Every structure is written in structure tokens, then in C-alpha cells.
């Protein structure tokens, strides 16, 4: 039965306050277990307006892990500097994580982080390019939403595009089924990318641990208070994309 046909359930949901930091209903919040990480690389998360999933979304939770992280909700910004809220002298030293139709599995490499050009080809001098990255842009949304963000922000072409080839599938499991094995949640993608770029596996370990705690909490609340953690709606997975 939906909340619309059950006024009492709807009232109960409205009565539960949201966490001001992560935006989730307090029973789903795990903010007290998050310790910000000192990282050299800045993080900018651009979230599509329709991807504000209070229960299973990870954009704001991801940003909480880094002292230099920004979340912006919208469709387009005139430049990287405007999106970030501060001047960026060299956008080419920022990486945009956008999978699109590109797959690491189709390229001649076994790396988990790959810099590609506009044609989807592997850039030469991978180590030099990736070691020079000073910031990353993550697109938070479905396949079609991420594509919209990519095409609406031409300035991204001035940045270095990167894709991921994770060794394991997303921890979402059945909660959010991905159409491709390389589709990850925003928090998993951030962990893999930052850990690889900074050569610090503890970054991925910290973010993945938080994600696991979030999923455990979600399942607990779903069993005890299903009106706060409803089962995910079915989507057109042919268009599905997390980052």
C-alpha cells in the first residue's frame, strides 16, 4: 500500500526529521560514523535534480568524507569555476568521470582507472596524466541523467575524461541493479578513483565501509519501518547509470 492511500503512513514519514548533513531521514543516517579524510584532490559532485534519492543516494554522504568536496544540484553551469564556486586556473587538471558508451573491458588495458580522449581511445602517458590531476568531477544520476549533464556542460570537454574498470560489481546488489558491471554508486566510484589517483587504498576502504554501513542500516529500517525505506522502484535499466 502506498503512502498516498495510507494517510497515517504519510504523516509518520513527514513527522520524522531529516539529517541536515546527509539529507536522509534520521533513522537512515550514519553521519556520526564518518570521519573526513585529508586528500590532495578536490571533489565536485554534480547531481541531476531528479536523482535526489533520500534513502539510497550517496552523493552527500560521499562529500562528507572529504574536507574539500562540493555537491551541486542542477543541470548546467557556465564553467567549472562557476560549478565549483572558486576559480580554476587549468581545467585540464580536473578529471570528469563519465562512462557513456566507453568500457575499460574493450580497451587494451587492465587498469581500473583509464584516461581517454574524445574518441574514447586510451590516452598515451597514462601515469603522467593521472598523477597531474588536482580535482575530480562526479556525475550523480541515471544513465540518461548523466548523459544530460555531460552534454549540457561543454566545459567538461576541457577536462580530462576518465572511466573506471572496477574489479568487482557494485555493493548495491539487488537494491539497485546495474546494467553494466562497471556501474558503481557515487561513493564507490569516488573511493576507487581517489584511492587510485592518490595511491592510498585506505580512501577506498573508508568509503566502502561507510557504504556498507548505509546499506545495512537501510535494510534494517526497511524491515522495521518500511515507510521510511521503501523498496526501490523498478527502472529502465537499459538507461541506468550511477556515474
Foldseek 3Di string as FASTA:
>chain_A
DACVVPVVLVVVQVPFDADPQLRARVLLDPLVVADADEAQAAEEEEEEQVQPDRQQACQSVLQSNHPRYYYDYDQEDAAPCRRSVHDDPQQQLEEEEDCQPADPVVAPDPAFKFWAAPVNHGDPPGVVNLLSRRYYYYYFDFLVSSVSSPVRYVNNNSYTYMYGDDPAAEPCPPQDDAPDRRAYAPLQVVLVSRCVSRVNNVSNVSSVVVSVVSVVSLVVCCVVSVSSRPRDDDDPNVGGHGD
